[in-house]
Amino acid sequence: MDIESFNSLTYGFYAVASGDSNKKGVYICTVVAQVTAIPPKLMIACNKDNFTAEIIKDTKKFSVSVLKQNCTPTTIGNFGFRTGKDFNKFEQANFIYGEETGCPIILNDSIAWFECQLEGTFDVGTHFLFVGNVLQAKAIDEDETPLTYKYYHEIKKGVTHKNAPSYNK
């Protein structure tokens, strides 16, 4: 199998959060897709080992924040390369709680966000696919360009975390 062929698939960069004021988690997600328009639904992939996966399963809600192209390495490192089990990712985060779900919504380097109510969970091996009904959405900065996986690797020279669906040794 030509592993390099997977590099032609396109991905974005998103901060996915879940929880409430007592217990919350966030991770960097590269697999988010709109799966229906009416009603609007999003699908996200989350590694089963991610702290946020258990919170999504428990609370049945999540938010998705679209990260901008000139996103800082601090945002990616803070939300993507540490675990919420050992580190408070929200200590220096700029976030709000959604009006529809009470779920945290990351504003750091974000250009839009979505609040979702979990509708379905699919076990696909190392990851869960979570499908959520979009209850609320907001564009923060329509002039900014979303960060893509290709840009992150080729221009920013970023690395892939071992929990990412696209990780190859």
N, C-alpha and C. Protein backbone atom coordinates (compact mmCIF):
# COMPACT_ATOMS: atom_id res chain seq x y z
N MET A 1 0.84 -1.17 0.00
CA MET A 1 0.00 0.00 0.00
C MET A 1 0.89 1.24 0.00
N ASP A 2 0.52 2.21 -0.80
CA ASP A 2 1.26 3.46 -0.88
C ASP A 2 0.72 4.42 0.20
N ILE A 3 1.41 4.48 1.34
CA ILE A 3 1.00 5.32 2.45
C ILE A 3 0.98 6.79 2.05
N GLU A 4 1.85 7.19 1.14
CA GLU A 4 1.92 8.59 0.70
C GLU A 4 0.63 9.05 0.03
N SER A 5 -0.16 8.12 -0.50
CA SER A 5 -1.42 8.50 -1.15
C SER A 5 -2.38 9.16 -0.17
N PHE A 6 -2.27 8.82 1.11
CA PHE A 6 -3.13 9.43 2.12
C PHE A 6 -2.84 10.92 2.29
N ASN A 7 -1.65 11.37 1.89
CA ASN A 7 -1.31 12.79 1.98
C ASN A 7 -2.11 13.65 1.02
N SER A 8 -2.77 13.05 0.04
CA SER A 8 -3.58 13.83 -0.90
C SER A 8 -4.98 14.12 -0.35
N LEU A 9 -5.35 13.47 0.76
CA LEU A 9 -6.63 13.79 1.39
C LEU A 9 -6.49 15.13 2.12
N THR A 10 -7.56 15.91 2.12
CA THR A 10 -7.50 17.23 2.76
C THR A 10 -8.11 17.18 4.15
N TYR A 11 -7.52 17.94 5.05
CA TYR A 11 -7.96 18.03 6.43
C TYR A 11 -7.86 19.48 6.88
N GLY A 12 -8.60 19.81 7.90
CA GLY A 12 -8.47 21.10 8.55
C GLY A 12 -7.92 20.90 9.94
N PHE A 13 -7.84 21.98 10.70
CA PHE A 13 -7.40 21.93 12.09
C PHE A 13 -8.48 22.56 12.95
N TYR A 14 -8.89 21.83 13.97
CA TYR A 14 -10.00 22.25 14.80
C TYR A 14 -9.67 21.99 16.27
N ALA A 15 -10.20 22.82 17.15
CA ALA A 15 -10.15 22.56 18.59
C ALA A 15 -11.53 22.04 18.97
N VAL A 16 -11.59 20.79 19.41
CA VAL A 16 -12.85 20.18 19.83
C VAL A 16 -12.84 20.12 21.35
N ALA A 17 -13.91 20.67 21.96
CA ALA A 17 -14.00 20.71 23.42
C ALA A 17 -15.31 20.09 23.88
N SER A 18 -15.32 19.67 25.14
CA SER A 18 -16.53 19.11 25.73
C SER A 18 -16.47 19.30 27.24
N GLY A 19 -17.61 19.15 27.87
CA GLY A 19 -17.67 19.22 29.32
C GLY A 19 -18.46 20.39 29.83
N ASP A 20 -18.13 20.79 31.06
CA ASP A 20 -18.79 21.91 31.72
C ASP A 20 -17.78 22.56 32.67
N SER A 21 -18.25 23.41 33.56
CA SER A 21 -17.31 24.13 34.44
C SER A 21 -16.59 23.21 35.43
N ASN A 22 -17.14 22.03 35.69
CA ASN A 22 -16.52 21.09 36.63
C ASN A 22 -15.46 20.20 35.98
N LYS A 23 -15.75 19.71 34.79
CA LYS A 23 -14.83 18.81 34.10
C LYS A 23 -14.92 19.11 32.61
N LYS A 24 -13.79 19.43 32.01
CA LYS A 24 -13.79 19.77 30.60
C LYS A 24 -12.51 19.27 29.93
N GLY A 25 -12.60 19.07 28.63
CA GLY A 25 -11.46 18.61 27.86
C GLY A 25 -11.47 19.26 26.49
N VAL A 26 -10.30 19.28 25.86
CA VAL A 26 -10.16 19.83 24.51
C VAL A 26 -9.00 19.12 23.83
N TYR A 27 -9.12 18.91 22.53
CA TYR A 27 -8.03 18.32 21.75
C TYR A 27 -8.02 18.92 20.35
N ILE A 28 -6.90 18.79 19.68
CA ILE A 28 -6.80 19.22 18.29
C ILE A 28 -7.30 18.08 17.42
N CYS A 29 -8.25 18.39 16.57
CA CYS A 29 -8.88 17.40 15.70
C CYS A 29 -8.61 17.77 14.25
N THR A 30 -8.26 16.79 13.45
CA THR A 30 -8.05 17.05 12.02
C THR A 30 -9.14 16.42 11.16
N VAL A 31 -10.07 15.70 11.79
CA VAL A 31 -11.14 15.07 11.02
C VAL A 31 -12.49 15.60 11.52
N VAL A 32 -13.00 16.58 10.79
CA VAL A 32 -14.32 17.16 11.02
C VAL A 32 -14.98 17.28 9.67
N ALA A 33 -16.23 16.90 9.57
CA ALA A 33 -16.94 17.03 8.31
C ALA A 33 -18.42 17.32 8.56
N GLN A 34 -18.99 18.14 7.70
CA GLN A 34 -20.43 18.32 7.72
C GLN A 34 -21.02 17.12 7.01
N VAL A 35 -21.95 16.42 7.67
CA VAL A 35 -22.50 15.20 7.06
C VAL A 35 -23.92 15.39 6.55
N THR A 36 -24.65 16.39 7.06
CA THR A 36 -25.96 16.73 6.51
C THR A 36 -26.16 18.24 6.64
N ALA A 37 -27.05 18.76 5.79
CA ALA A 37 -27.37 20.18 5.83
C ALA A 37 -28.69 20.43 6.57
N ILE A 38 -29.64 19.52 6.39
CA ILE A 38 -30.95 19.68 7.02
C ILE A 38 -31.31 18.39 7.72
N PRO A 39 -31.25 18.33 9.03
CA PRO A 39 -30.67 19.34 9.92
C PRO A 39 -29.15 19.31 9.83
N PRO A 40 -28.51 20.42 10.16
CA PRO A 40 -27.04 20.44 10.07
C PRO A 40 -26.41 19.52 11.11
N LYS A 41 -25.49 18.66 10.64
CA LYS A 41 -24.78 17.73 11.52
C LYS A 41 -23.30 17.71 11.17
N LEU A 42 -22.47 17.58 12.20
CA LEU A 42 -21.04 17.43 12.02
C LEU A 42 -20.60 16.07 12.54
N MET A 43 -19.53 15.56 11.93
CA MET A 43 -18.89 14.32 12.37
C MET A 43 -17.46 14.67 12.74
N ILE A 44 -17.00 14.14 13.89
CA ILE A 44 -15.62 14.33 14.32
C ILE A 44 -15.02 12.98 14.65
N ALA A 45 -13.70 12.87 14.52
CA ALA A 45 -12.97 11.66 14.92
C ALA A 45 -12.19 11.99 16.18
N CYS A 46 -12.22 11.07 17.14
CA CYS A 46 -11.51 11.28 18.41
C CYS A 46 -10.86 9.96 18.84
N ASN A 47 -9.56 10.00 19.08
CA ASN A 47 -8.85 8.82 19.56
C ASN A 47 -9.47 8.37 20.88
N LYS A 48 -9.64 7.07 21.02
CA LYS A 48 -10.25 6.52 22.23
C LYS A 48 -9.44 6.85 23.49
N ASP A 49 -8.12 7.09 23.34
CA ASP A 49 -7.27 7.40 24.48
C ASP A 49 -7.36 8.86 24.91
N ASN A 50 -7.98 9.71 24.08
CA ASN A 50 -8.09 11.13 24.44
C ASN A 50 -9.01 11.32 25.63
N PHE A 51 -8.58 12.13 26.57
CA PHE A 51 -9.37 12.49 27.74
C PHE A 51 -10.74 13.03 27.31
N THR A 52 -10.76 13.81 26.24
CA THR A 52 -12.01 14.43 25.77
C THR A 52 -13.01 13.39 25.27
N ALA A 53 -12.54 12.25 24.79
CA ALA A 53 -13.46 11.21 24.29
C ALA A 53 -14.41 10.76 25.39
N GLU A 54 -13.88 10.52 26.59
CA GLU A 54 -14.76 10.09 27.68
C GLU A 54 -15.73 11.19 28.10
N ILE A 55 -15.29 12.44 28.00
CA ILE A 55 -16.17 13.55 28.36
C ILE A 55 -17.31 13.70 27.34
N ILE A 56 -16.99 13.56 26.05
CA ILE A 56 -18.03 13.62 25.03
C ILE A 56 -19.04 12.49 25.25
N LYS A 57 -18.55 11.30 25.51
CA LYS A 57 -19.45 10.17 25.74
C LYS A 57 -20.33 10.40 26.97
N ASP A 58 -19.77 11.00 28.03
CA ASP A 58 -20.53 11.24 29.26
C ASP A 58 -21.54 12.37 29.13
N THR A 59 -21.12 13.49 28.52
CA THR A 59 -21.96 14.68 28.49
C THR A 59 -22.88 14.75 27.27
N LYS A 60 -22.54 13.98 26.23
CA LYS A 60 -23.34 13.97 24.99
C LYS A 60 -23.37 15.33 24.29
N LYS A 61 -22.24 16.05 24.37
CA LYS A 61 -22.14 17.35 23.72
C LYS A 61 -20.68 17.65 23.40
N PHE A 62 -20.49 18.51 22.40
CA PHE A 62 -19.14 18.95 22.06
C PHE A 62 -19.22 20.24 21.24
N SER A 63 -18.09 20.94 21.20
CA SER A 63 -17.98 22.12 20.35
C SER A 63 -16.81 21.91 19.39
N VAL A 64 -16.89 22.57 18.26
CA VAL A 64 -15.82 22.54 17.26
C VAL A 64 -15.46 23.98 16.94
N SER A 65 -14.19 24.33 17.10
CA SER A 65 -13.69 25.65 16.74
C SER A 65 -12.73 25.50 15.57
N VAL A 66 -12.97 26.25 14.51
CA VAL A 66 -12.13 26.21 13.31
C VAL A 66 -10.92 27.11 13.54
N LEU A 67 -9.72 26.54 13.44
CA LEU A 67 -8.51 27.31 13.69
C LEU A 67 -8.03 28.03 12.43
N LYS A 68 -7.46 29.22 12.63
CA LYS A 68 -7.00 30.03 11.50
C LYS A 68 -5.61 29.61 11.05
N GLN A 69 -5.30 29.95 9.80
CA GLN A 69 -4.04 29.54 9.17
C GLN A 69 -2.82 30.02 9.95
N ASN A 70 -2.88 31.24 10.48
CA ASN A 70 -1.73 31.74 11.23
C ASN A 70 -1.87 31.46 12.73
N CYS A 71 -2.49 30.34 13.03
CA CYS A 71 -2.64 29.85 14.40
C CYS A 71 -1.26 29.73 15.05
N THR A 72 -1.18 30.08 16.31
CA THR A 72 0.12 30.04 16.99
C THR A 72 0.51 28.60 17.35
N PRO A 73 1.80 28.32 17.39
CA PRO A 73 2.25 27.00 17.84
C PRO A 73 1.79 26.71 19.28
N THR A 74 1.62 27.76 20.09
CA THR A 74 1.16 27.58 21.46
C THR A 74 -0.23 26.96 21.50
N THR A 75 -1.12 27.42 20.63
CA THR A 75 -2.47 26.87 20.60
C THR A 75 -2.44 25.39 20.23
N ILE A 76 -1.69 25.05 19.19
CA ILE A 76 -1.60 23.64 18.77
C ILE A 76 -0.94 22.80 19.86
N GLY A 77 0.15 23.29 20.42
CA GLY A 77 0.86 22.54 21.46
C GLY A 77 0.03 22.37 22.72
N ASN A 78 -0.63 23.43 23.14
CA ASN A 78 -1.41 23.39 24.37
C ASN A 78 -2.61 22.44 24.25
N PHE A 79 -3.32 22.53 23.15
CA PHE A 79 -4.53 21.73 22.98
C PHE A 79 -4.27 20.37 22.35
N GLY A 80 -3.13 20.21 21.67
CA GLY A 80 -2.92 18.99 20.91
C GLY A 80 -1.84 18.05 21.37
N PHE A 81 -0.86 18.52 22.09
CA PHE A 81 0.27 17.66 22.42
C PHE A 81 0.42 17.40 23.91
N ARG A 82 -0.64 17.66 24.66
CA ARG A 82 -0.67 17.38 26.09
C ARG A 82 -2.00 16.72 26.38
N THR A 83 -2.05 15.99 27.46
CA THR A 83 -3.32 15.37 27.85
C THR A 83 -3.98 16.17 28.97
N GLY A 84 -5.28 16.28 28.88
CA GLY A 84 -6.04 16.95 29.92
C GLY A 84 -6.09 16.16 31.22
N LYS A 85 -5.63 14.92 31.19
CA LYS A 85 -5.56 14.11 32.42
C LYS A 85 -4.48 14.66 33.36
N ASP A 86 -3.41 15.23 32.78
CA ASP A 86 -2.26 15.70 33.56
C ASP A 86 -2.06 17.20 33.54
N PHE A 87 -2.80 17.91 32.69
CA PHE A 87 -2.51 19.32 32.43
C PHE A 87 -3.83 20.07 32.23
N ASN A 88 -3.96 21.23 32.86
CA ASN A 88 -5.16 22.05 32.68
C ASN A 88 -5.03 22.87 31.41
N LYS A 89 -5.57 22.37 30.32
CA LYS A 89 -5.49 23.04 29.02
C LYS A 89 -6.27 24.35 29.00
N PHE A 90 -7.18 24.53 29.93
CA PHE A 90 -8.04 25.71 29.95
C PHE A 90 -7.47 26.86 30.78
N GLU A 91 -6.38 26.61 31.50
CA GLU A 91 -5.81 27.62 32.38
C GLU A 91 -5.46 28.91 31.63
N GLN A 92 -4.88 28.76 30.43
CA GLN A 92 -4.52 29.93 29.65
C GLN A 92 -5.37 30.06 28.38
N ALA A 93 -6.44 29.30 28.31
CA ALA A 93 -7.30 29.32 27.13
C ALA A 93 -8.27 30.50 27.16
N ASN A 94 -8.57 31.00 25.99
CA ASN A 94 -9.62 31.99 25.82
C ASN A 94 -10.84 31.20 25.35
N PHE A 95 -11.86 31.09 26.21
CA PHE A 95 -13.02 30.30 25.85
C PHE A 95 -14.27 30.86 26.51
N ILE A 96 -15.41 30.44 25.97
CA ILE A 96 -16.71 30.77 26.54
C ILE A 96 -17.48 29.47 26.70
N TYR A 97 -18.56 29.52 27.46
CA TYR A 97 -19.46 28.38 27.54
C TYR A 97 -20.63 28.64 26.61
N GLY A 98 -20.97 27.66 25.78
CA GLY A 98 -22.04 27.82 24.82
C GLY A 98 -23.40 27.98 25.49
N GLU A 99 -24.23 28.80 24.87
CA GLU A 99 -25.57 29.05 25.40
C GLU A 99 -26.49 27.86 25.23
N GLU A 100 -26.27 27.05 24.19
CA GLU A 100 -27.14 25.92 23.91
C GLU A 100 -26.78 24.67 24.71
N THR A 101 -25.49 24.42 24.91
CA THR A 101 -25.05 23.18 25.55
C THR A 101 -24.32 23.39 26.87
N GLY A 102 -23.85 24.61 27.12
CA GLY A 102 -23.02 24.85 28.29
C GLY A 102 -21.61 24.32 28.13
N CYS A 103 -21.31 23.86 26.94
CA CYS A 103 -20.03 23.27 26.59
C CYS A 103 -18.98 24.37 26.36
N PRO A 104 -17.71 24.15 26.74
CA PRO A 104 -16.69 25.15 26.44
C PRO A 104 -16.47 25.27 24.93
N ILE A 105 -16.24 26.50 24.49
CA ILE A 105 -15.95 26.80 23.08
C ILE A 105 -14.64 27.56 23.05
N ILE A 106 -13.66 27.02 22.34
CA ILE A 106 -12.33 27.63 22.26
C ILE A 106 -12.35 28.81 21.29
N LEU A 107 -11.82 29.95 21.77
CA LEU A 107 -11.73 31.14 20.94
C LEU A 107 -10.30 31.42 20.47
N ASN A 108 -9.29 30.81 21.14
CA ASN A 108 -7.89 31.01 20.74
C ASN A 108 -7.73 30.69 19.25
N ASP A 109 -7.29 31.66 18.47
CA ASP A 109 -6.97 31.46 17.05
C ASP A 109 -8.13 30.88 16.25
N SER A 110 -9.37 31.08 16.69
CA SER A 110 -10.54 30.51 16.01
C SER A 110 -11.18 31.52 15.07
N ILE A 111 -11.72 31.00 13.98
CA ILE A 111 -12.43 31.87 13.04
C ILE A 111 -13.93 31.57 12.99
N ALA A 112 -14.34 30.44 13.55
CA ALA A 112 -15.76 30.07 13.63
C ALA A 112 -15.89 28.96 14.65
N TRP A 113 -17.11 28.77 15.16
CA TRP A 113 -17.35 27.67 16.09
C TRP A 113 -18.75 27.12 15.93
N PHE A 114 -18.90 25.87 16.43
CA PHE A 114 -20.16 25.14 16.36
C PHE A 114 -20.42 24.48 17.71
N GLU A 115 -21.66 24.50 18.17
CA GLU A 115 -22.08 23.76 19.35
C GLU A 115 -22.91 22.58 18.89
N CYS A 116 -22.61 21.40 19.39
CA CYS A 116 -23.28 20.18 18.92
C CYS A 116 -23.79 19.32 20.07
N GLN A 117 -24.95 18.72 19.83
CA GLN A 117 -25.52 17.71 20.72
C GLN A 117 -25.23 16.36 20.10
N LEU A 118 -24.61 15.45 20.84
CA LEU A 118 -24.23 14.15 20.32
C LEU A 118 -25.46 13.35 19.91
N GLU A 119 -25.42 12.83 18.69
CA GLU A 119 -26.51 12.00 18.18
C GLU A 119 -26.10 10.54 18.04
N GLY A 120 -24.85 10.31 17.68
CA GLY A 120 -24.41 8.93 17.48
C GLY A 120 -22.91 8.78 17.68
N THR A 121 -22.52 7.59 18.10
CA THR A 121 -21.12 7.25 18.30
C THR A 121 -20.83 5.96 17.56
N PHE A 122 -19.74 5.96 16.80
CA PHE A 122 -19.35 4.79 16.02
C PHE A 122 -17.92 4.42 16.38
N ASP A 123 -17.72 3.18 16.76
CA ASP A 123 -16.40 2.66 17.10
C ASP A 123 -15.73 2.21 15.81
N VAL A 124 -14.61 2.84 15.46
CA VAL A 124 -13.92 2.50 14.22
C VAL A 124 -12.48 2.03 14.49
N GLY A 125 -12.30 1.35 15.60
CA GLY A 125 -10.97 0.81 15.94
C GLY A 125 -10.27 1.68 16.96
N THR A 126 -9.28 2.43 16.53
CA THR A 126 -8.52 3.29 17.45
C THR A 126 -9.29 4.56 17.82
N HIS A 127 -10.31 4.88 17.03
CA HIS A 127 -11.04 6.14 17.20
C HIS A 127 -12.54 5.91 17.33
N PHE A 128 -13.20 6.92 17.89
CA PHE A 128 -14.65 7.02 17.83
C PHE A 128 -14.98 8.07 16.78
N LEU A 129 -16.03 7.84 16.02
CA LEU A 129 -16.62 8.89 15.20
C LEU A 129 -17.85 9.35 15.96
N PHE A 130 -17.87 10.63 16.28
CA PHE A 130 -19.01 11.23 16.97
C PHE A 130 -19.79 12.07 15.96
N VAL A 131 -21.09 11.88 15.88
CA VAL A 131 -21.95 12.69 15.02
C VAL A 131 -22.82 13.54 15.92
N GLY A 132 -22.84 14.83 15.65
CA GLY A 132 -23.62 15.74 16.48
C GLY A 132 -24.51 16.66 15.68
N ASN A 133 -25.69 16.93 16.23
CA ASN A 133 -26.58 17.94 15.66
C ASN A 133 -26.04 19.31 16.02
N VAL A 134 -25.89 20.17 15.02
CA VAL A 134 -25.41 21.53 15.27
C VAL A 134 -26.57 22.35 15.83
N LEU A 135 -26.39 22.84 17.05
CA LEU A 135 -27.43 23.64 17.70
C LEU A 135 -27.20 25.13 17.53
N GLN A 136 -25.93 25.51 17.39
CA GLN A 136 -25.55 26.91 17.24
C GLN A 136 -24.23 26.98 16.51
N ALA A 137 -24.04 28.03 15.73
CA ALA A 137 -22.78 28.25 15.01
C ALA A 137 -22.54 29.74 14.89
N LYS A 138 -21.28 30.13 14.86
CA LYS A 138 -20.95 31.54 14.74
C LYS A 138 -19.63 31.71 13.99
N ALA A 139 -19.64 32.59 13.00
CA ALA A 139 -18.41 32.99 12.32
C ALA A 139 -17.81 34.15 13.12
N ILE A 140 -16.56 34.01 13.48
CA ILE A 140 -15.88 35.04 14.27
C ILE A 140 -15.12 36.00 13.36
N ASP A 141 -14.43 35.46 12.36
CA ASP A 141 -13.63 36.28 11.45
C ASP A 141 -13.65 35.65 10.06
N GLU A 142 -14.52 36.15 9.22
CA GLU A 142 -14.68 35.60 7.87
C GLU A 142 -13.54 35.97 6.93
N ASP A 143 -12.68 36.90 7.33
CA ASP A 143 -11.55 37.30 6.49
C ASP A 143 -10.34 36.39 6.67
N GLU A 144 -10.32 35.59 7.70
CA GLU A 144 -9.21 34.68 7.96
C GLU A 144 -9.36 33.40 7.16
N THR A 145 -8.24 32.76 6.87
CA THR A 145 -8.20 31.49 6.15
C THR A 145 -8.07 30.35 7.15
N PRO A 146 -8.85 29.28 6.99
CA PRO A 146 -8.71 28.14 7.90
C PRO A 146 -7.36 27.44 7.73
N LEU A 147 -6.84 26.90 8.83
CA LEU A 147 -5.60 26.14 8.80
C LEU A 147 -5.87 24.75 8.24
N THR A 148 -5.09 24.35 7.26
CA THR A 148 -5.20 23.01 6.70
C THR A 148 -4.01 22.17 7.15
N TYR A 149 -4.21 20.88 7.09
CA TYR A 149 -3.15 19.94 7.46
C TYR A 149 -1.94 20.10 6.55
N LYS A 150 -2.18 20.29 5.27
CA LYS A 150 -1.10 20.47 4.30
C LYS A 150 -0.26 21.71 4.65
N TYR A 151 -0.93 22.82 4.93
CA TYR A 151 -0.23 24.05 5.30
C TYR A 151 0.56 23.84 6.59
N TYR A 152 -0.05 23.18 7.55
CA TYR A 152 0.59 22.91 8.84
C TYR A 152 1.89 22.13 8.64
N HIS A 153 1.89 21.13 7.77
CA HIS A 153 3.09 20.32 7.55
C HIS A 153 4.10 21.00 6.64
N GLU A 154 3.65 21.56 5.52
CA GLU A 154 4.59 22.10 4.54
C GLU A 154 5.12 23.48 4.89
N ILE A 155 4.30 24.35 5.44
CA ILE A 155 4.72 25.72 5.73
C ILE A 155 5.13 25.89 7.19
N LYS A 156 4.31 25.43 8.09
CA LYS A 156 4.61 25.56 9.52
C LYS A 156 5.58 24.50 10.02
N LYS A 157 5.80 23.45 9.21
CA LYS A 157 6.71 22.34 9.56
C LYS A 157 6.26 21.63 10.84
N GLY A 158 4.93 21.52 11.01
CA GLY A 158 4.37 20.86 12.17
C GLY A 158 4.48 19.34 12.07
N VAL A 159 4.38 18.69 13.21
CA VAL A 159 4.44 17.23 13.27
C VAL A 159 3.06 16.67 13.64
N THR A 160 2.87 15.40 13.36
CA THR A 160 1.61 14.72 13.63
C THR A 160 1.68 14.02 14.98
N HIS A 161 0.68 14.25 15.80
CA HIS A 161 0.60 13.58 17.11
C HIS A 161 0.24 12.12 16.92
N LYS A 162 0.73 11.26 17.79
CA LYS A 162 0.50 9.82 17.67
C LYS A 162 -0.98 9.44 17.77
N ASN A 163 -1.84 10.28 18.34
CA ASN A 163 -3.26 9.97 18.44
C ASN A 163 -4.07 10.43 17.24
N ALA A 164 -3.44 11.12 16.30
CA ALA A 164 -4.15 11.60 15.12
C ALA A 164 -4.50 10.44 14.19
N PRO A 165 -5.67 10.50 13.53
CA PRO A 165 -6.04 9.43 12.60
C PRO A 165 -5.04 9.26 11.45
N SER A 166 -4.32 10.34 11.11
CA SER A 166 -3.39 10.32 9.99
C SER A 166 -1.96 9.98 10.39
N TYR A 167 -1.73 9.61 11.65
CA TYR A 167 -0.38 9.35 12.14
C TYR A 167 0.19 8.08 11.47
N ASN A 168 1.43 8.23 10.97
CA ASN A 168 2.21 7.10 10.45
C ASN A 168 3.57 7.14 11.09
N LYS A 169 4.09 5.99 11.50
CA LYS A 169 5.43 5.95 12.10
C LYS A 169 6.47 6.27 11.05
